[in-house]
Amino acid sequence: MHHTEAGPGPKGSVLAVTFEIDGQAFIALDGGPQCPFTPASSRVVHCGAQEDVARHWAQLDDGGREVLGGVAPVRLRAP
């Protein structure tokens, strides 16, 4: 995907790209000057039922280990 005349980036510059690594789909977005490149990434997990959500949260939490979230470590907790 490319920026259009509507912006916010220069018309024709890259807005987003999709790619696949080992069968896993990824999307990379241009964050603009207010969001410079970092090694951070986000993940999306598609769930079919509430039980799936609870199971994934439990696996992510797994004892409350700290993970980097935003500018400070946060603890993952089920909603």
PDB file of N, CA and C in Angstrom:
ATOM      1  N   MET A   1       0.854  -1.176   0.000  1.00  0.00           N
ATOM      2  CA  MET A   1       0.000   0.000   0.000  1.00  0.00           C
ATOM      3  C   MET A   1       0.896   1.234   0.000  1.00  0.00           C
ATOM      4  N   HIS A   2       0.436   2.252  -0.681  1.00  0.00           N
ATOM      5  CA  HIS A   2       1.188   3.498  -0.768  1.00  0.00           C
ATOM      6  C   HIS A   2       0.342   4.667  -0.264  1.00  0.00           C
ATOM      7  N   HIS A   3       1.008   5.687   0.203  1.00  0.00           N
ATOM      8  CA  HIS A   3       0.312   6.913   0.594  1.00  0.00           C
ATOM      9  C   HIS A   3      -0.314   7.528  -0.653  1.00  0.00           C
ATOM     10  N   THR A   4      -1.455   8.158  -0.472  1.00  0.00           N
ATOM     11  CA  THR A   4      -2.125   8.877  -1.560  1.00  0.00           C
ATOM     12  C   THR A   4      -1.934  10.366  -1.343  1.00  0.00           C
ATOM     13  N   GLU A   5      -2.567  11.151  -2.182  1.00  0.00           N
ATOM     14  CA  GLU A   5      -2.479  12.601  -2.001  1.00  0.00           C
ATOM     15  C   GLU A   5      -3.096  13.046  -0.682  1.00  0.00           C
ATOM     16  N   ALA A   6      -3.915  12.179  -0.062  1.00  0.00           N
ATOM     17  CA  ALA A   6      -4.532  12.503   1.224  1.00  0.00           C
ATOM     18  C   ALA A   6      -3.528  12.396   2.380  1.00  0.00           C
ATOM     19  N   GLY A   7      -2.336  11.813   2.099  1.00  0.00           N
ATOM     20  CA  GLY A   7      -1.291  11.740   3.120  1.00  0.00           C
ATOM     21  C   GLY A   7      -1.514  10.599   4.081  1.00  0.00           C
ATOM     22  N   PRO A   8      -0.881  10.610   5.245  1.00  0.00           N
ATOM     23  CA  PRO A   8      -0.090  11.695   5.785  1.00  0.00           C
ATOM     24  C   PRO A   8       1.332  11.747   5.230  1.00  0.00           C
ATOM     25  N   GLY A   9       1.811  10.671   4.590  1.00  0.00           N
ATOM     26  CA  GLY A   9       3.157  10.694   4.023  1.00  0.00           C
ATOM     27  C   GLY A   9       3.147  11.211   2.607  1.00  0.00           C
ATOM     28  N   PRO A  10       4.329  11.377   2.022  1.00  0.00           N
ATOM     29  CA  PRO A  10       4.420  11.841   0.638  1.00  0.00           C
ATOM     30  C   PRO A  10       3.712  10.870  -0.315  1.00  0.00           C
ATOM     31  N   LYS A  11       2.962  11.409  -1.249  1.00  0.00           N
ATOM     32  CA  LYS A  11       2.221  10.593  -2.208  1.00  0.00           C
ATOM     33  C   LYS A  11       3.173   9.602  -2.885  1.00  0.00           C
ATOM     34  N   GLY A  12       2.753   8.330  -2.897  1.00  0.00           N
ATOM     35  CA  GLY A  12       3.548   7.289  -3.534  1.00  0.00           C
ATOM     36  C   GLY A  12       4.516   6.584  -2.614  1.00  0.00           C
ATOM     37  N   SER A  13       4.804   7.156  -1.441  1.00  0.00           N
ATOM     38  CA  SER A  13       5.721   6.484  -0.516  1.00  0.00           C
ATOM     39  C   SER A  13       4.987   5.319   0.156  1.00  0.00           C
ATOM     40  N   VAL A  14       5.750   4.384   0.684  1.00  0.00           N
ATOM     41  CA  VAL A  14       5.175   3.169   1.248  1.00  0.00           C
ATOM     42  C   VAL A  14       4.449   3.462   2.563  1.00  0.00           C
ATOM     43  N   LEU A  15       3.212   2.994   2.640  1.00  0.00           N
ATOM     44  CA  LEU A  15       2.418   3.084   3.864  1.00  0.00           C
ATOM     45  C   LEU A  15       2.468   1.765   4.624  1.00  0.00           C
ATOM     46  N   ALA A  16       2.300   0.649   3.916  1.00  0.00           N
ATOM     47  CA  ALA A  16       2.302  -0.668   4.558  1.00  0.00           C
ATOM     48  C   ALA A  16       2.723  -1.729   3.558  1.00  0.00           C
ATOM     49  N   VAL A  17       3.368  -2.767   4.072  1.00  0.00           N
ATOM     50  CA  VAL A  17       3.727  -3.921   3.253  1.00  0.00           C
ATOM     51  C   VAL A  17       3.308  -5.179   3.999  1.00  0.00           C
ATOM     52  N   THR A  18       2.963  -6.192   3.252  1.00  0.00           N
ATOM     53  CA  THR A  18       2.682  -7.494   3.845  1.00  0.00           C
ATOM     54  C   THR A  18       3.731  -8.473   3.349  1.00  0.00           C
ATOM     55  N   PHE A  19       4.113  -9.400   4.219  1.00  0.00           N
ATOM     56  CA  PHE A  19       5.087 -10.405   3.839  1.00  0.00           C
ATOM     57  C   PHE A  19       4.881 -11.633   4.705  1.00  0.00           C
ATOM     58  N   GLU A  20       5.519 -12.719   4.346  1.00  0.00           N
ATOM     59  CA  GLU A  20       5.371 -13.978   5.063  1.00  0.00           C
ATOM     60  C   GLU A  20       6.741 -14.568   5.369  1.00  0.00           C
ATOM     61  N   ILE A  21       6.881 -15.067   6.596  1.00  0.00           N
ATOM     62  CA  ILE A  21       8.103 -15.761   7.000  1.00  0.00           C
ATOM     63  C   ILE A  21       7.686 -17.108   7.575  1.00  0.00           C
ATOM     64  N   ASP A  22       8.161 -18.164   6.955  1.00  0.00           N
ATOM     65  CA  ASP A  22       7.882 -19.516   7.423  1.00  0.00           C
ATOM     66  C   ASP A  22       6.386 -19.746   7.655  1.00  0.00           C
ATOM     67  N   GLY A  23       5.559 -19.251   6.739  1.00  0.00           N
ATOM     68  CA  GLY A  23       4.118 -19.457   6.815  1.00  0.00           C
ATOM     69  C   GLY A  23       3.369 -18.482   7.702  1.00  0.00           C
ATOM     70  N   GLN A  24       4.065 -17.588   8.391  1.00  0.00           N
ATOM     71  CA  GLN A  24       3.432 -16.615   9.277  1.00  0.00           C
ATOM     72  C   GLN A  24       3.334 -15.275   8.566  1.00  0.00           C
ATOM     73  N   ALA A  25       2.113 -14.735   8.453  1.00  0.00           N
ATOM     74  CA  ALA A  25       1.899 -13.451   7.778  1.00  0.00           C
ATOM     75  C   ALA A  25       2.262 -12.290   8.702  1.00  0.00           C
ATOM     76  N   PHE A  26       2.881 -11.255   8.137  1.00  0.00           N
ATOM     77  CA  PHE A  26       3.256 -10.042   8.857  1.00  0.00           C
ATOM     78  C   PHE A  26       2.803  -8.826   8.061  1.00  0.00           C
ATOM     79  N   ILE A  27       2.563  -7.735   8.749  1.00  0.00           N
ATOM     80  CA  ILE A  27       2.275  -6.443   8.137  1.00  0.00           C
ATOM     81  C   ILE A  27       3.236  -5.436   8.755  1.00  0.00           C
ATOM     82  N   ALA A  28       3.920  -4.662   7.931  1.00  0.00           N
ATOM     83  CA  ALA A  28       4.801  -3.597   8.414  1.00  0.00           C
ATOM     84  C   ALA A  28       4.184  -2.266   8.017  1.00  0.00           C
ATOM     85  N   LEU A  29       4.089  -1.343   8.970  1.00  0.00           N
ATOM     86  CA  LEU A  29       3.456  -0.045   8.752  1.00  0.00           C
ATOM     87  C   LEU A  29       4.464   1.083   8.884  1.00  0.00           C
ATOM     88  N   ASP A  30       4.301   2.127   8.073  1.00  0.00           N
ATOM     89  CA  ASP A  30       5.095   3.345   8.202  1.00  0.00           C
ATOM     90  C   ASP A  30       4.503   4.167   9.334  1.00  0.00           C
ATOM     91  N   GLY A  31       5.233   4.293  10.431  1.00  0.00           N
ATOM     92  CA  GLY A  31       4.740   5.048  11.580  1.00  0.00           C
ATOM     93  C   GLY A  31       4.983   6.538  11.474  1.00  0.00           C
ATOM     94  N   GLY A  32       5.693   6.963  10.431  1.00  0.00           N
ATOM     95  CA  GLY A  32       5.968   8.389  10.277  1.00  0.00           C
ATOM     96  C   GLY A  32       7.039   8.865  11.242  1.00  0.00           C
ATOM     97  N   PRO A  33       7.337  10.162  11.220  1.00  0.00           N
ATOM     98  CA  PRO A  33       8.416  10.698  12.062  1.00  0.00           C
ATOM     99  C   PRO A  33       8.115  10.610  13.556  1.00  0.00           C
ATOM    100  N   GLN A  34       6.841  10.536  13.939  1.00  0.00           N
ATOM    101  CA  GLN A  34       6.511  10.455  15.363  1.00  0.00           C
ATOM    102  C   GLN A  34       6.706   9.045  15.918  1.00  0.00           C
ATOM    103  N   CYS A  35       6.877   8.057  15.049  1.00  0.00           N
ATOM    104  CA  CYS A  35       7.092   6.665  15.471  1.00  0.00           C
ATOM    105  C   CYS A  35       8.283   6.086  14.726  1.00  0.00           C
ATOM    106  N   PRO A  36       9.510   6.433  15.106  1.00  0.00           N
ATOM    107  CA  PRO A  36      10.683   5.931  14.392  1.00  0.00           C
ATOM    108  C   PRO A  36      10.830   4.423  14.557  1.00  0.00           C
ATOM    109  N   PHE A  37      11.615   3.817  13.694  1.00  0.00           N
ATOM    110  CA  PHE A  37      11.826   2.372  13.713  1.00  0.00           C
ATOM    111  C   PHE A  37      12.414   1.910  15.032  1.00  0.00           C
ATOM    112  N   THR A  38      11.876   0.820  15.550  1.00  0.00           N
ATOM    113  CA  THR A  38      12.409   0.149  16.739  1.00  0.00           C
ATOM    114  C   THR A  38      12.305  -1.358  16.501  1.00  0.00           C
ATOM    115  N   PRO A  39      12.929  -2.169  17.343  1.00  0.00           N
ATOM    116  CA  PRO A  39      12.781  -3.617  17.189  1.00  0.00           C
ATOM    117  C   PRO A  39      11.453  -4.138  17.744  1.00  0.00           C
ATOM    118  N   ALA A  40      10.592  -3.261  18.230  1.00  0.00           N
ATOM    119  CA  ALA A  40       9.313  -3.684  18.803  1.00  0.00           C
ATOM    120  C   ALA A  40       8.385  -4.217  17.717  1.00  0.00           C
ATOM    121  N   SER A  41       7.472  -5.078  18.137  1.00  0.00           N
ATOM    122  CA  SER A  41       6.450  -5.585  17.229  1.00  0.00           C
ATOM    123  C   SER A  41       5.192  -5.894  18.017  1.00  0.00           C
ATOM    124  N   SER A  42       4.089  -6.032  17.320  1.00  0.00           N
ATOM    125  CA  SER A  42       2.810  -6.393  17.926  1.00  0.00           C
ATOM    126  C   SER A  42       2.341  -7.697  17.317  1.00  0.00           C
ATOM    127  N   ARG A  43       1.559  -8.425  18.064  1.00  0.00           N
ATOM    128  CA  ARG A  43       1.010  -9.678  17.575  1.00  0.00           C
ATOM    129  C   ARG A  43      -0.504  -9.645  17.677  1.00  0.00           C
ATOM    130  N   VAL A  44      -1.171 -10.293  16.748  1.00  0.00           N
ATOM    131  CA  VAL A  44      -2.617 -10.467  16.777  1.00  0.00           C
ATOM    132  C   VAL A  44      -2.889 -11.959  16.783  1.00  0.00           C
ATOM    133  N   VAL A  45      -3.716 -12.391  17.705  1.00  0.00           N
ATOM    134  CA  VAL A  45      -4.121 -13.789  17.766  1.00  0.00           C
ATOM    135  C   VAL A  45      -5.621 -13.838  17.525  1.00  0.00           C
ATOM    136  N   HIS A  46      -6.031 -14.480  16.445  1.00  0.00           N
ATOM    137  CA  HIS A  46      -7.450 -14.604  16.132  1.00  0.00           C
ATOM    138  C   HIS A  46      -8.018 -15.781  16.907  1.00  0.00           C
ATOM    139  N   CYS A  47      -9.079 -15.533  17.663  1.00  0.00           N
ATOM    140  CA  CYS A  47      -9.678 -16.566  18.504  1.00  0.00           C
ATOM    141  C   CYS A  47     -11.104 -16.840  18.049  1.00  0.00           C
ATOM    142  N   GLY A  48     -11.489 -18.108  18.150  1.00  0.00           N
ATOM    143  CA  GLY A  48     -12.826 -18.494  17.734  1.00  0.00           C
ATOM    144  C   GLY A  48     -13.858 -18.399  18.838  1.00  0.00           C
ATOM    145  N   ALA A  49     -13.426 -18.477  20.091  1.00  0.00           N
ATOM    146  CA  ALA A  49     -14.356 -18.464  21.214  1.00  0.00           C
ATOM    147  C   ALA A  49     -13.679 -17.841  22.427  1.00  0.00           C
ATOM    148  N   GLN A  50     -14.483 -17.443  23.406  1.00  0.00           N
ATOM    149  CA  GLN A  50     -13.963 -16.826  24.619  1.00  0.00           C
ATOM    150  C   GLN A  50     -12.980 -17.754  25.334  1.00  0.00           C
ATOM    151  N   GLU A  51     -13.215 -19.056  25.255  1.00  0.00           N
ATOM    152  CA  GLU A  51     -12.309 -20.013  25.888  1.00  0.00           C
ATOM    153  C   GLU A  51     -10.914 -19.936  25.265  1.00  0.00           C
ATOM    154  N   ASP A  52     -10.850 -19.684  23.964  1.00  0.00           N
ATOM    155  CA  ASP A  52      -9.558 -19.524  23.294  1.00  0.00           C
ATOM    156  C   ASP A  52      -8.823 -18.302  23.829  1.00  0.00           C
ATOM    157  N   VAL A  53      -9.560 -17.208  24.007  1.00  0.00           N
ATOM    158  CA  VAL A  53      -8.968 -15.979  24.542  1.00  0.00           C
ATOM    159  C   VAL A  53      -8.390 -16.248  25.929  1.00  0.00           C
ATOM    160  N   ALA A  54      -9.176 -16.887  26.785  1.00  0.00           N
ATOM    161  CA  ALA A  54      -8.725 -17.171  28.151  1.00  0.00           C
ATOM    162  C   ALA A  54      -7.484 -18.064  28.141  1.00  0.00           C
ATOM    163  N   ARG A  55      -7.461 -19.067  27.279  1.00  0.00           N
ATOM    164  CA  ARG A  55      -6.319 -19.982  27.204  1.00  0.00           C
ATOM    165  C   ARG A  55      -5.051 -19.239  26.763  1.00  0.00           C
ATOM    166  N   HIS A  56      -5.184 -18.396  25.727  1.00  0.00           N
ATOM    167  CA  HIS A  56      -4.016 -17.649  25.249  1.00  0.00           C
ATOM    168  C   HIS A  56      -3.509 -16.670  26.305  1.00  0.00           C
ATOM    169  N   TRP A  57      -4.418 -15.963  26.979  1.00  0.00           N
ATOM    170  CA  TRP A  57      -3.998 -15.050  28.037  1.00  0.00           C
ATOM    171  C   TRP A  57      -3.264 -15.798  29.138  1.00  0.00           C
ATOM    172  N   ALA A  58      -3.782 -16.966  29.515  1.00  0.00           N
ATOM    173  CA  ALA A  58      -3.133 -17.760  30.564  1.00  0.00           C
ATOM    174  C   ALA A  58      -1.728 -18.165  30.140  1.00  0.00           C
ATOM    175  N   GLN A  59      -1.561 -18.532  28.870  1.00  0.00           N
ATOM    176  CA  GLN A  59      -0.238 -18.918  28.383  1.00  0.00           C
ATOM    177  C   GLN A  59       0.708 -17.718  28.345  1.00  0.00           C
ATOM    178  N   LEU A  60       0.192 -16.561  27.955  1.00  0.00           N
ATOM    179  CA  LEU A  60       1.035 -15.360  27.926  1.00  0.00           C
ATOM    180  C   LEU A  60       1.428 -14.940  29.335  1.00  0.00           C
ATOM    181  N   ASP A  61       0.486 -15.008  30.240  1.00  0.00           N
ATOM    182  CA  ASP A  61       0.745 -14.592  31.619  1.00  0.00           C
ATOM    183  C   ASP A  61       1.720 -15.554  32.292  1.00  0.00           C
ATOM    184  N   ASP A  62       1.471 -16.823  32.222  1.00  0.00           N
ATOM    185  CA  ASP A  62       2.338 -17.892  32.708  1.00  0.00           C
ATOM    186  C   ASP A  62       3.230 -17.479  33.870  1.00  0.00           C
ATOM    187  N   GLY A  63       2.635 -17.069  34.964  1.00  0.00           N
ATOM    188  CA  GLY A  63       3.404 -16.730  36.156  1.00  0.00           C
ATOM    189  C   GLY A  63       3.657 -15.241  36.326  1.00  0.00           C
ATOM    190  N   GLY A  64       3.166 -14.414  35.430  1.00  0.00           N
ATOM    191  CA  GLY A  64       3.304 -12.971  35.591  1.00  0.00           C
ATOM    192  C   GLY A  64       4.678 -12.422  35.282  1.00  0.00           C
ATOM    193  N   ARG A  65       5.438 -13.100  34.433  1.00  0.00           N
ATOM    194  CA  ARG A  65       6.752 -12.574  34.073  1.00  0.00           C
ATOM    195  C   ARG A  65       6.608 -11.222  33.396  1.00  0.00           C
ATOM    196  N   GLU A  66       7.579 -10.358  33.605  1.00  0.00           N
ATOM    197  CA  GLU A  66       7.529  -9.044  32.996  1.00  0.00           C
ATOM    198  C   GLU A  66       7.896  -9.123  31.516  1.00  0.00           C
ATOM    199  N   VAL A  67       7.180  -8.341  30.720  1.00  0.00           N
ATOM    200  CA  VAL A  67       7.475  -8.201  29.301  1.00  0.00           C
ATOM    201  C   VAL A  67       7.518  -6.724  28.995  1.00  0.00           C
ATOM    202  N   LEU A  68       8.250  -6.355  27.955  1.00  0.00           N
ATOM    203  CA  LEU A  68       8.345  -4.951  27.596  1.00  0.00           C
ATOM    204  C   LEU A  68       7.064  -4.530  26.896  1.00  0.00           C
ATOM    205  N   GLY A  69       6.407  -3.488  27.396  1.00  0.00           N
ATOM    206  CA  GLY A  69       5.173  -2.989  26.799  1.00  0.00           C
ATOM    207  C   GLY A  69       5.192  -1.478  26.835  1.00  0.00           C
ATOM    208  N   GLY A  70       5.268  -0.845  25.677  1.00  0.00           N
ATOM    209  CA  GLY A  70       5.358   0.605  25.663  1.00  0.00           C
ATOM    210  C   GLY A  70       6.724   1.039  26.131  1.00  0.00           C
ATOM    211  N   VAL A  71       6.760   1.940  27.098  1.00  0.00           N
ATOM    212  CA  VAL A  71       8.043   2.461  27.568  1.00  0.00           C
ATOM    213  C   VAL A  71       8.502   1.815  28.862  1.00  0.00           C
ATOM    214  N   ALA A  72       7.668   0.977  29.470  1.00  0.00           N
ATOM    215  CA  ALA A  72       8.046   0.348  30.724  1.00  0.00           C
ATOM    216  C   ALA A  72       7.539  -1.091  30.759  1.00  0.00           C
ATOM    217  N   PRO A  73       8.225  -1.971  31.485  1.00  0.00           N
ATOM    218  CA  PRO A  73       7.733  -3.340  31.593  1.00  0.00           C
ATOM    219  C   PRO A  73       6.348  -3.369  32.214  1.00  0.00           C
ATOM    220  N   VAL A  74       5.493  -4.242  31.708  1.00  0.00           N
ATOM    221  CA  VAL A  74       4.156  -4.414  32.256  1.00  0.00           C
ATOM    222  C   VAL A  74       3.920  -5.907  32.476  1.00  0.00           C
ATOM    223  N   ARG A  75       2.962  -6.221  33.313  1.00  0.00           N
ATOM    224  CA  ARG A  75       2.592  -7.613  33.522  1.00  0.00           C
ATOM    225  C   ARG A  75       1.309  -7.896  32.752  1.00  0.00           C
ATOM    226  N   LEU A  76       1.306  -9.003  32.027  1.00  0.00           N
ATOM    227  CA  LEU A  76       0.113  -9.397  31.293  1.00  0.00           C
ATOM    228  C   LEU A  76      -0.884 -10.012  32.253  1.00  0.00           C
ATOM    229  N   ARG A  77      -2.124  -9.631  32.147  1.00  0.00           N
ATOM    230  CA  ARG A  77      -3.192 -10.193  32.953  1.00  0.00           C
ATOM    231  C   ARG A  77      -4.396 -10.438  32.051  1.00  0.00           C
ATOM    232  N   ALA A  78      -5.136 -11.475  32.351  1.00  0.00           N
ATOM    233  CA  ALA A  78      -6.345 -11.762  31.575  1.00  0.00           C
ATOM    234  C   ALA A  78      -7.357 -10.641  31.779  1.00  0.00           C
ATOM    235  N   PRO A  79      -8.107 -10.340  30.714  1.00  0.00           N
ATOM    236  CA  PRO A  79      -9.105  -9.253  30.840  1.00  0.00           C
ATOM    237  C   PRO A  79     -10.232  -9.627  31.784  1.00  0.00           C
TER     238      PRO A  79
END
